[in-house]
Amino acid sequence: MPGLVRMQILFTAEQARRLRQVAKQRRETISAVVREMVEEALAERARRKEEIFQQLEESAHWLAEHAPETVHTPEELDAIREERLDELMPDVRG
């Protein structure tokens, strides 16, 4: 089949049994079942990742609106870090 890459993967005996069962029920090859399951898992992972990023963005907007003093730019964080290092290691940094 064009566009496919041959790969070798190992399954437990139970996984293999269940894959055979699903393939038989669907009247498909084990390879087709595995490809479909992999595609579904990758799509779900992408959806979860997008959902997490959306939640983080909403949290950042909420913080910026309700507690702006807790939100810092990267430059501000660098300055804060430098101040703290000077406090902790005045002899080394001074």
PDB file of N, CA and C in Angstrom:
ATOM      1  N   MET A   1       0.845  -1.179   0.000  1.00  0.00           N
ATOM      2  CA  MET A   1       0.000   0.000   0.000  1.00  0.00           C
ATOM      3  C   MET A   1       0.892   1.245   0.000  1.00  0.00           C
ATOM      4  N   PRO A   2       0.658   2.166  -0.905  1.00  0.00           N
ATOM      5  CA  PRO A   2       1.477   3.376  -0.945  1.00  0.00           C
ATOM      6  C   PRO A   2       1.194   4.280   0.254  1.00  0.00           C
ATOM      7  N   GLY A   3       2.222   4.984   0.697  1.00  0.00           N
ATOM      8  CA  GLY A   3       2.066   5.914   1.808  1.00  0.00           C
ATOM      9  C   GLY A   3       2.159   5.294   3.182  1.00  0.00           C
ATOM     10  N   LEU A   4       2.366   4.023   3.256  1.00  0.00           N
ATOM     11  CA  LEU A   4       2.474   3.362   4.551  1.00  0.00           C
ATOM     12  C   LEU A   4       3.919   2.977   4.822  1.00  0.00           C
ATOM     13  N   VAL A   5       4.279   2.952   6.079  1.00  0.00           N
ATOM     14  CA  VAL A   5       5.621   2.575   6.506  1.00  0.00           C
ATOM     15  C   VAL A   5       5.515   1.312   7.343  1.00  0.00           C
ATOM     16  N   ARG A   6       6.324   0.348   7.042  1.00  0.00           N
ATOM     17  CA  ARG A   6       6.312  -0.898   7.810  1.00  0.00           C
ATOM     18  C   ARG A   6       7.045  -0.663   9.137  1.00  0.00           C
ATOM     19  N   MET A   7       6.418  -1.087  10.221  1.00  0.00           N
ATOM     20  CA  MET A   7       7.019  -0.973  11.547  1.00  0.00           C
ATOM     21  C   MET A   7       6.786  -2.277  12.285  1.00  0.00           C
ATOM     22  N   GLN A   8       7.675  -2.562  13.194  1.00  0.00           N
ATOM     23  CA  GLN A   8       7.510  -3.747  14.016  1.00  0.00           C
ATOM     24  C   GLN A   8       7.276  -3.271  15.443  1.00  0.00           C
ATOM     25  N   ILE A   9       6.174  -3.720  16.039  1.00  0.00           N
ATOM     26  CA  ILE A   9       5.882  -3.371  17.422  1.00  0.00           C
ATOM     27  C   ILE A   9       5.522  -4.642  18.182  1.00  0.00           C
ATOM     28  N   LEU A  10       5.704  -4.608  19.475  1.00  0.00           N
ATOM     29  CA  LEU A  10       5.413  -5.764  20.313  1.00  0.00           C
ATOM     30  C   LEU A  10       4.204  -5.470  21.195  1.00  0.00           C
ATOM     31  N   PHE A  11       3.334  -6.465  21.322  1.00  0.00           N
ATOM     32  CA  PHE A  11       2.165  -6.367  22.178  1.00  0.00           C
ATOM     33  C   PHE A  11       2.229  -7.471  23.222  1.00  0.00           C
ATOM     34  N   THR A  12       1.568  -7.236  24.329  1.00  0.00           N
ATOM     35  CA  THR A  12       1.423  -8.319  25.297  1.00  0.00           C
ATOM     36  C   THR A  12       0.463  -9.338  24.694  1.00  0.00           C
ATOM     37  N   ALA A  13       0.440 -10.514  25.272  1.00  0.00           N
ATOM     38  CA  ALA A  13      -0.471 -11.550  24.777  1.00  0.00           C
ATOM     39  C   ALA A  13      -1.919 -11.080  24.870  1.00  0.00           C
ATOM     40  N   GLU A  14      -2.251 -10.404  25.945  1.00  0.00           N
ATOM     41  CA  GLU A  14      -3.617  -9.912  26.130  1.00  0.00           C
ATOM     42  C   GLU A  14      -3.957  -8.839  25.093  1.00  0.00           C
ATOM     43  N   GLN A  15      -3.042  -7.927  24.846  1.00  0.00           N
ATOM     44  CA  GLN A  15      -3.283  -6.897  23.829  1.00  0.00           C
ATOM     45  C   GLN A  15      -3.479  -7.531  22.460  1.00  0.00           C
ATOM     46  N   ALA A  16      -2.639  -8.506  22.133  1.00  0.00           N
ATOM     47  CA  ALA A  16      -2.754  -9.189  20.843  1.00  0.00           C
ATOM     48  C   ALA A  16      -4.097  -9.903  20.721  1.00  0.00           C
ATOM     49  N   ARG A  17      -4.509 -10.559  21.800  1.00  0.00           N
ATOM     50  CA  ARG A  17      -5.802 -11.250  21.787  1.00  0.00           C
ATOM     51  C   ARG A  17      -6.935 -10.269  21.547  1.00  0.00           C
ATOM     52  N   ARG A  18      -6.888  -9.134  22.242  1.00  0.00           N
ATOM     53  CA  ARG A  18      -7.948  -8.132  22.106  1.00  0.00           C
ATOM     54  C   ARG A  18      -7.939  -7.493  20.725  1.00  0.00           C
ATOM     55  N   LEU A  19      -6.741  -7.252  20.169  1.00  0.00           N
ATOM     56  CA  LEU A  19      -6.659  -6.697  18.821  1.00  0.00           C
ATOM     57  C   LEU A  19      -7.253  -7.667  17.793  1.00  0.00           C
ATOM     58  N   ARG A  20      -6.918  -8.934  17.937  1.00  0.00           N
ATOM     59  CA  ARG A  20      -7.476  -9.940  17.020  1.00  0.00           C
ATOM     60  C   ARG A  20      -9.001  -9.968  17.108  1.00  0.00           C
ATOM     61  N   GLN A  21      -9.492  -9.873  18.329  1.00  0.00           N
ATOM     62  CA  GLN A  21     -10.935  -9.896  18.555  1.00  0.00           C
ATOM     63  C   GLN A  21     -11.607  -8.690  17.884  1.00  0.00           C
ATOM     64  N   VAL A  22     -11.046  -7.507  18.086  1.00  0.00           N
ATOM     65  CA  VAL A  22     -11.609  -6.299  17.476  1.00  0.00           C
ATOM     66  C   VAL A  22     -11.550  -6.393  15.954  1.00  0.00           C
ATOM     67  N   ALA A  23     -10.405  -6.824  15.431  1.00  0.00           N
ATOM     68  CA  ALA A  23     -10.255  -6.943  13.979  1.00  0.00           C
ATOM     69  C   ALA A  23     -11.273  -7.927  13.402  1.00  0.00           C
ATOM     70  N   LYS A  24     -11.470  -9.021  14.088  1.00  0.00           N
ATOM     71  CA  LYS A  24     -12.429 -10.021  13.619  1.00  0.00           C
ATOM     72  C   LYS A  24     -13.850  -9.450  13.631  1.00  0.00           C
ATOM     73  N   GLN A  25     -14.217  -8.762  14.711  1.00  0.00           N
ATOM     74  CA  GLN A  25     -15.552  -8.171  14.814  1.00  0.00           C
ATOM     75  C   GLN A  25     -15.787  -7.144  13.706  1.00  0.00           C
ATOM     76  N   ARG A  26     -14.773  -6.370  13.396  1.00  0.00           N
ATOM     77  CA  ARG A  26     -14.901  -5.325  12.370  1.00  0.00           C
ATOM     78  C   ARG A  26     -14.658  -5.849  10.951  1.00  0.00           C
ATOM     79  N   ARG A  27     -14.166  -7.062  10.894  1.00  0.00           N
ATOM     80  CA  ARG A  27     -13.782  -7.646   9.599  1.00  0.00           C
ATOM     81  C   ARG A  27     -12.732  -6.776   8.911  1.00  0.00           C
ATOM     82  N   GLU A  28     -11.740  -6.405   9.701  1.00  0.00           N
ATOM     83  CA  GLU A  28     -10.611  -5.605   9.225  1.00  0.00           C
ATOM     84  C   GLU A  28      -9.319  -6.309   9.633  1.00  0.00           C
ATOM     85  N   THR A  29      -8.234  -5.843   9.062  1.00  0.00           N
ATOM     86  CA  THR A  29      -6.942  -6.384   9.465  1.00  0.00           C
ATOM     87  C   THR A  29      -6.531  -5.762  10.790  1.00  0.00           C
ATOM     88  N   ILE A  30      -5.642  -6.459  11.494  1.00  0.00           N
ATOM     89  CA  ILE A  30      -5.098  -5.910  12.735  1.00  0.00           C
ATOM     90  C   ILE A  30      -4.389  -4.591  12.437  1.00  0.00           C
ATOM     91  N   SER A  31      -3.682  -4.522  11.312  1.00  0.00           N
ATOM     92  CA  SER A  31      -2.982  -3.286  10.947  1.00  0.00           C
ATOM     93  C   SER A  31      -3.952  -2.120  10.814  1.00  0.00           C
ATOM     94  N   ALA A  32      -5.099  -2.351  10.174  1.00  0.00           N
ATOM     95  CA  ALA A  32      -6.086  -1.286  10.009  1.00  0.00           C
ATOM     96  C   ALA A  32      -6.626  -0.831  11.365  1.00  0.00           C
ATOM     97  N   VAL A  33      -6.879  -1.794  12.242  1.00  0.00           N
ATOM     98  CA  VAL A  33      -7.378  -1.465  13.581  1.00  0.00           C
ATOM     99  C   VAL A  33      -6.332  -0.650  14.346  1.00  0.00           C
ATOM    100  N   VAL A  34      -5.085  -1.082  14.287  1.00  0.00           N
ATOM    101  CA  VAL A  34      -4.015  -0.366  14.997  1.00  0.00           C
ATOM    102  C   VAL A  34      -3.861   1.045  14.438  1.00  0.00           C
ATOM    103  N   ARG A  35      -3.872   1.198  13.111  1.00  0.00           N
ATOM    104  CA  ARG A  35      -3.742   2.535  12.510  1.00  0.00           C
ATOM    105  C   ARG A  35      -4.865   3.444  12.975  1.00  0.00           C
ATOM    106  N   GLU A  36      -6.094   2.917  13.003  1.00  0.00           N
ATOM    107  CA  GLU A  36      -7.232   3.719  13.436  1.00  0.00           C
ATOM    108  C   GLU A  36      -7.092   4.117  14.913  1.00  0.00           C
ATOM    109  N   MET A  37      -6.688   3.162  15.747  1.00  0.00           N
ATOM    110  CA  MET A  37      -6.528   3.450  17.178  1.00  0.00           C
ATOM    111  C   MET A  37      -5.419   4.470  17.416  1.00  0.00           C
ATOM    112  N   VAL A  38      -4.334   4.343  16.674  1.00  0.00           N
ATOM    113  CA  VAL A  38      -3.235   5.299  16.814  1.00  0.00           C
ATOM    114  C   VAL A  38      -3.707   6.689  16.391  1.00  0.00           C
ATOM    115  N   GLU A  39      -4.419   6.775  15.285  1.00  0.00           N
ATOM    116  CA  GLU A  39      -4.920   8.057  14.811  1.00  0.00           C
ATOM    117  C   GLU A  39      -5.858   8.692  15.833  1.00  0.00           C
ATOM    118  N   GLU A  40      -6.746   7.883  16.403  1.00  0.00           N
ATOM    119  CA  GLU A  40      -7.669   8.390  17.427  1.00  0.00           C
ATOM    120  C   GLU A  40      -6.904   8.880  18.658  1.00  0.00           C
ATOM    121  N   ALA A  41      -5.897   8.124  19.084  1.00  0.00           N
ATOM    122  CA  ALA A  41      -5.116   8.512  20.261  1.00  0.00           C
ATOM    123  C   ALA A  41      -4.349   9.799  20.005  1.00  0.00           C
ATOM    124  N   LEU A  42      -3.774   9.935  18.815  1.00  0.00           N
ATOM    125  CA  LEU A  42      -3.026  11.160  18.500  1.00  0.00           C
ATOM    126  C   LEU A  42      -3.953  12.367  18.413  1.00  0.00           C
ATOM    127  N   ALA A  43      -5.136  12.177  17.836  1.00  0.00           N
ATOM    128  CA  ALA A  43      -6.106  13.270  17.751  1.00  0.00           C
ATOM    129  C   ALA A  43      -6.573  13.678  19.142  1.00  0.00           C
ATOM    130  N   GLU A  44      -6.826  12.708  19.996  1.00  0.00           N
ATOM    131  CA  GLU A  44      -7.248  13.001  21.371  1.00  0.00           C
ATOM    132  C   GLU A  44      -6.159  13.744  22.123  1.00  0.00           C
ATOM    133  N   ARG A  45      -4.919  13.336  21.916  1.00  0.00           N
ATOM    134  CA  ARG A  45      -3.791  14.018  22.565  1.00  0.00           C
ATOM    135  C   ARG A  45      -3.712  15.471  22.103  1.00  0.00           C
ATOM    136  N   ALA A  46      -3.902  15.708  20.827  1.00  0.00           N
ATOM    137  CA  ALA A  46      -3.872  17.078  20.300  1.00  0.00           C
ATOM    138  C   ALA A  46      -5.032  17.898  20.871  1.00  0.00           C
ATOM    139  N   ARG A  47      -6.211  17.284  20.991  1.00  0.00           N
ATOM    140  CA  ARG A  47      -7.365  17.992  21.575  1.00  0.00           C
ATOM    141  C   ARG A  47      -7.101  18.362  23.029  1.00  0.00           C
ATOM    142  N   ARG A  48      -6.542  17.408  23.786  1.00  0.00           N
ATOM    143  CA  ARG A  48      -6.246  17.693  25.205  1.00  0.00           C
ATOM    144  C   ARG A  48      -5.208  18.801  25.331  1.00  0.00           C
ATOM    145  N   LYS A  49      -4.197  18.756  24.484  1.00  0.00           N
ATOM    146  CA  LYS A  49      -3.154  19.779  24.519  1.00  0.00           C
ATOM    147  C   LYS A  49      -3.765  21.152  24.222  1.00  0.00           C
ATOM    148  N   GLU A  50      -4.603  21.247  23.208  1.00  0.00           N
ATOM    149  CA  GLU A  50      -5.258  22.508  22.863  1.00  0.00           C
ATOM    150  C   GLU A  50      -6.149  22.983  24.007  1.00  0.00           C
ATOM    151  N   GLU A  51      -6.849  22.058  24.633  1.00  0.00           N
ATOM    152  CA  GLU A  51      -7.719  22.398  25.757  1.00  0.00           C
ATOM    153  C   GLU A  51      -6.903  22.946  26.924  1.00  0.00           C
ATOM    154  N   ILE A  52      -5.771  22.346  27.201  1.00  0.00           N
ATOM    155  CA  ILE A  52      -4.904  22.818  28.288  1.00  0.00           C
ATOM    156  C   ILE A  52      -4.374  24.213  27.983  1.00  0.00           C
ATOM    157  N   PHE A  53      -3.937  24.435  26.738  1.00  0.00           N
ATOM    158  CA  PHE A  53      -3.448  25.759  26.370  1.00  0.00           C
ATOM    159  C   PHE A  53      -4.555  26.802  26.499  1.00  0.00           C
ATOM    160  N   GLN A  54      -5.769  26.440  26.120  1.00  0.00           N
ATOM    161  CA  GLN A  54      -6.904  27.355  26.241  1.00  0.00           C
ATOM    162  C   GLN A  54      -7.162  27.694  27.711  1.00  0.00           C
ATOM    163  N   GLN A  55      -7.114  26.684  28.579  1.00  0.00           N
ATOM    164  CA  GLN A  55      -7.309  26.928  30.004  1.00  0.00           C
ATOM    165  C   GLN A  55      -6.209  27.813  30.576  1.00  0.00           C
ATOM    166  N   LEU A  56      -4.968  27.576  30.135  1.00  0.00           N
ATOM    167  CA  LEU A  56      -3.862  28.419  30.594  1.00  0.00           C
ATOM    168  C   LEU A  56      -4.050  29.857  30.143  1.00  0.00           C
ATOM    169  N   GLU A  57      -4.484  30.034  28.905  1.00  0.00           N
ATOM    170  CA  GLU A  57      -4.706  31.387  28.391  1.00  0.00           C
ATOM    171  C   GLU A  57      -5.813  32.086  29.170  1.00  0.00           C
ATOM    172  N   GLU A  58      -6.893  31.362  29.454  1.00  0.00           N
ATOM    173  CA  GLU A  58      -7.983  31.937  30.242  1.00  0.00           C
ATOM    174  C   GLU A  58      -7.500  32.304  31.647  1.00  0.00           C
ATOM    175  N   SER A  59      -6.677  31.459  32.234  1.00  0.00           N
ATOM    176  CA  SER A  59      -6.128  31.751  33.563  1.00  0.00           C
ATOM    177  C   SER A  59      -5.243  32.979  33.537  1.00  0.00           C
ATOM    178  N   ALA A  60      -4.425  33.096  32.500  1.00  0.00           N
ATOM    179  CA  ALA A  60      -3.542  34.256  32.380  1.00  0.00           C
ATOM    180  C   ALA A  60      -4.350  35.535  32.239  1.00  0.00           C
ATOM    181  N   HIS A  61      -5.420  35.495  31.444  1.00  0.00           N
ATOM    182  CA  HIS A  61      -6.271  36.682  31.296  1.00  0.00           C
ATOM    183  C   HIS A  61      -6.949  37.033  32.620  1.00  0.00           C
ATOM    184  N   TRP A  62      -7.411  36.004  33.331  1.00  0.00           N
ATOM    185  CA  TRP A  62      -8.053  36.251  34.621  1.00  0.00           C
ATOM    186  C   TRP A  62      -7.062  36.889  35.585  1.00  0.00           C
ATOM    187  N   LEU A  63      -5.855  36.327  35.662  1.00  0.00           N
ATOM    188  CA  LEU A  63      -4.840  36.883  36.552  1.00  0.00           C
ATOM    189  C   LEU A  63      -4.500  38.320  36.176  1.00  0.00           C
ATOM    190  N   ALA A  64      -4.340  38.588  34.900  1.00  0.00           N
ATOM    191  CA  ALA A  64      -4.010  39.942  34.454  1.00  0.00           C
ATOM    192  C   ALA A  64      -5.104  40.921  34.838  1.00  0.00           C
ATOM    193  N   GLU A  65      -6.336  40.462  34.834  1.00  0.00           N
ATOM    194  CA  GLU A  65      -7.461  41.327  35.170  1.00  0.00           C
ATOM    195  C   GLU A  65      -7.653  41.472  36.682  1.00  0.00           C
ATOM    196  N   HIS A  66      -7.541  40.368  37.421  1.00  0.00           N
ATOM    197  CA  HIS A  66      -7.873  40.369  38.840  1.00  0.00           C
ATOM    198  C   HIS A  66      -6.675  40.490  39.778  1.00  0.00           C
ATOM    199  N   ALA A  67      -5.508  40.161  39.308  1.00  0.00           N
ATOM    200  CA  ALA A  67      -4.305  40.241  40.154  1.00  0.00           C
ATOM    201  C   ALA A  67      -3.109  40.641  39.291  1.00  0.00           C
ATOM    202  N   PRO A  68      -3.166  41.831  38.703  1.00  0.00           N
ATOM    203  CA  PRO A  68      -2.122  42.221  37.752  1.00  0.00           C
ATOM    204  C   PRO A  68      -0.723  42.264  38.355  1.00  0.00           C
ATOM    205  N   GLU A  69      -0.640  42.446  39.670  1.00  0.00           N
ATOM    206  CA  GLU A  69       0.683  42.507  40.302  1.00  0.00           C
ATOM    207  C   GLU A  69       1.392  41.158  40.302  1.00  0.00           C
ATOM    208  N   THR A  70       0.665  40.076  39.999  1.00  0.00           N
ATOM    209  CA  THR A  70       1.287  38.752  39.978  1.00  0.00           C
ATOM    210  C   THR A  70       1.739  38.329  38.583  1.00  0.00           C
ATOM    211  N   VAL A  71       1.442  39.145  37.585  1.00  0.00           N
ATOM    212  CA  VAL A  71       1.803  38.816  36.205  1.00  0.00           C
ATOM    213  C   VAL A  71       3.033  39.623  35.818  1.00  0.00           C
ATOM    214  N   HIS A  72       4.083  38.947  35.373  1.00  0.00           N
ATOM    215  CA  HIS A  72       5.333  39.612  35.022  1.00  0.00           C
ATOM    216  C   HIS A  72       5.759  39.239  33.608  1.00  0.00           C
ATOM    217  N   THR A  73       6.380  40.186  32.940  1.00  0.00           N
ATOM    218  CA  THR A  73       6.948  39.922  31.623  1.00  0.00           C
ATOM    219  C   THR A  73       8.256  39.155  31.823  1.00  0.00           C
ATOM    220  N   PRO A  74       8.776  38.535  30.772  1.00  0.00           N
ATOM    221  CA  PRO A  74      10.070  37.860  30.903  1.00  0.00           C
ATOM    222  C   PRO A  74      11.174  38.806  31.369  1.00  0.00           C
ATOM    223  N   GLU A  75      11.136  40.036  30.902  1.00  0.00           N
ATOM    224  CA  GLU A  75      12.152  41.016  31.312  1.00  0.00           C
ATOM    225  C   GLU A  75      12.043  41.325  32.807  1.00  0.00           C
ATOM    226  N   GLU A  76      10.803  41.455  33.284  1.00  0.00           N
ATOM    227  CA  GLU A  76      10.603  41.697  34.715  1.00  0.00           C
ATOM    228  C   GLU A  76      11.089  40.509  35.537  1.00  0.00           C
ATOM    229  N   LEU A  77      10.814  39.319  35.069  1.00  0.00           N
ATOM    230  CA  LEU A  77      11.274  38.120  35.774  1.00  0.00           C
ATOM    231  C   LEU A  77      12.798  38.066  35.822  1.00  0.00           C
ATOM    232  N   ASP A  78      13.460  38.444  34.726  1.00  0.00           N
ATOM    233  CA  ASP A  78      14.930  38.483  34.713  1.00  0.00           C
ATOM    234  C   ASP A  78      15.452  39.475  35.747  1.00  0.00           C
ATOM    235  N   ALA A  79      14.833  40.647  35.826  1.00  0.00           N
ATOM    236  CA  ALA A  79      15.253  41.662  36.793  1.00  0.00           C
ATOM    237  C   ALA A  79      15.036  41.177  38.223  1.00  0.00           C
ATOM    238  N   ILE A  80      13.904  40.548  38.472  1.00  0.00           N
ATOM    239  CA  ILE A  80      13.608  40.005  39.804  1.00  0.00           C
ATOM    240  C   ILE A  80      14.639  38.938  40.166  1.00  0.00           C
ATOM    241  N   ARG A  81      14.943  38.076  39.202  1.00  0.00           N
ATOM    242  CA  ARG A  81      15.932  37.017  39.420  1.00  0.00           C
ATOM    243  C   ARG A  81      17.302  37.615  39.752  1.00  0.00           C
ATOM    244  N   GLU A  82      17.716  38.621  39.017  1.00  0.00           N
ATOM    245  CA  GLU A  82      19.005  39.268  39.258  1.00  0.00           C
ATOM    246  C   GLU A  82      19.052  39.906  40.651  1.00  0.00           C
ATOM    247  N   GLU A  83      17.976  40.590  41.039  1.00  0.00           N
ATOM    248  CA  GLU A  83      17.912  41.183  42.381  1.00  0.00           C
ATOM    249  C   GLU A  83      18.055  40.117  43.455  1.00  0.00           C
ATOM    250  N   ARG A  84      17.338  39.022  43.262  1.00  0.00           N
ATOM    251  CA  ARG A  84      17.374  37.952  44.262  1.00  0.00           C
ATOM    252  C   ARG A  84      18.758  37.312  44.340  1.00  0.00           C
ATOM    253  N   LEU A  85      19.400  37.107  43.200  1.00  0.00           N
ATOM    254  CA  LEU A  85      20.756  36.562  43.206  1.00  0.00           C
ATOM    255  C   LEU A  85      21.727  37.501  43.903  1.00  0.00           C
ATOM    256  N   ASP A  86      21.557  38.804  43.684  1.00  0.00           N
ATOM    257  CA  ASP A  86      22.425  39.776  44.384  1.00  0.00           C
ATOM    258  C   ASP A  86      22.220  39.691  45.895  1.00  0.00           C
ATOM    259  N   GLU A  87      20.977  39.481  46.326  1.00  0.00           N
ATOM    260  CA  GLU A  87      20.691  39.355  47.765  1.00  0.00           C
ATOM    261  C   GLU A  87      21.317  38.075  48.331  1.00  0.00           C
ATOM    262  N   LEU A  88      21.211  36.985  47.564  1.00  0.00           N
ATOM    263  CA  LEU A  88      21.674  35.698  48.064  1.00  0.00           C
ATOM    264  C   LEU A  88      23.184  35.539  47.993  1.00  0.00           C
ATOM    265  N   MET A  89      23.820  36.154  47.011  1.00  0.00           N
ATOM    266  CA  MET A  89      25.260  35.970  46.800  1.00  0.00           C
ATOM    267  C   MET A  89      25.938  37.310  46.560  1.00  0.00           C
ATOM    268  N   PRO A  90      25.906  38.219  47.536  1.00  0.00           N
ATOM    269  CA  PRO A  90      26.473  39.549  47.313  1.00  0.00           C
ATOM    270  C   PRO A  90      27.979  39.533  47.061  1.00  0.00           C
ATOM    271  N   ASP A  91      28.702  38.625  47.700  1.00  0.00           N
ATOM    272  CA  ASP A  91      30.149  38.579  47.525  1.00  0.00           C
ATOM    273  C   ASP A  91      30.552  38.069  46.156  1.00  0.00           C
ATOM    274  N   VAL A  92      29.821  37.136  45.642  1.00  0.00           N
ATOM    275  CA  VAL A  92      30.143  36.521  44.363  1.00  0.00           C
ATOM    276  C   VAL A  92      29.750  37.433  43.199  1.00  0.00           C
ATOM    277  N   ARG A  93      28.621  38.072  43.336  1.00  0.00           N
ATOM    278  CA  ARG A  93      28.064  38.855  42.230  1.00  0.00           C
ATOM    279  C   ARG A  93      28.511  40.300  42.256  1.00  0.00           C
ATOM    280  N   GLY A  94      28.992  40.774  43.371  1.00  0.00           N
ATOM    281  CA  GLY A  94      29.281  42.179  43.526  1.00  0.00           C
ATOM    282  C   GLY A  94      30.592  42.599  43.034  1.00  0.00           C
TER     283      GLY A  94
END
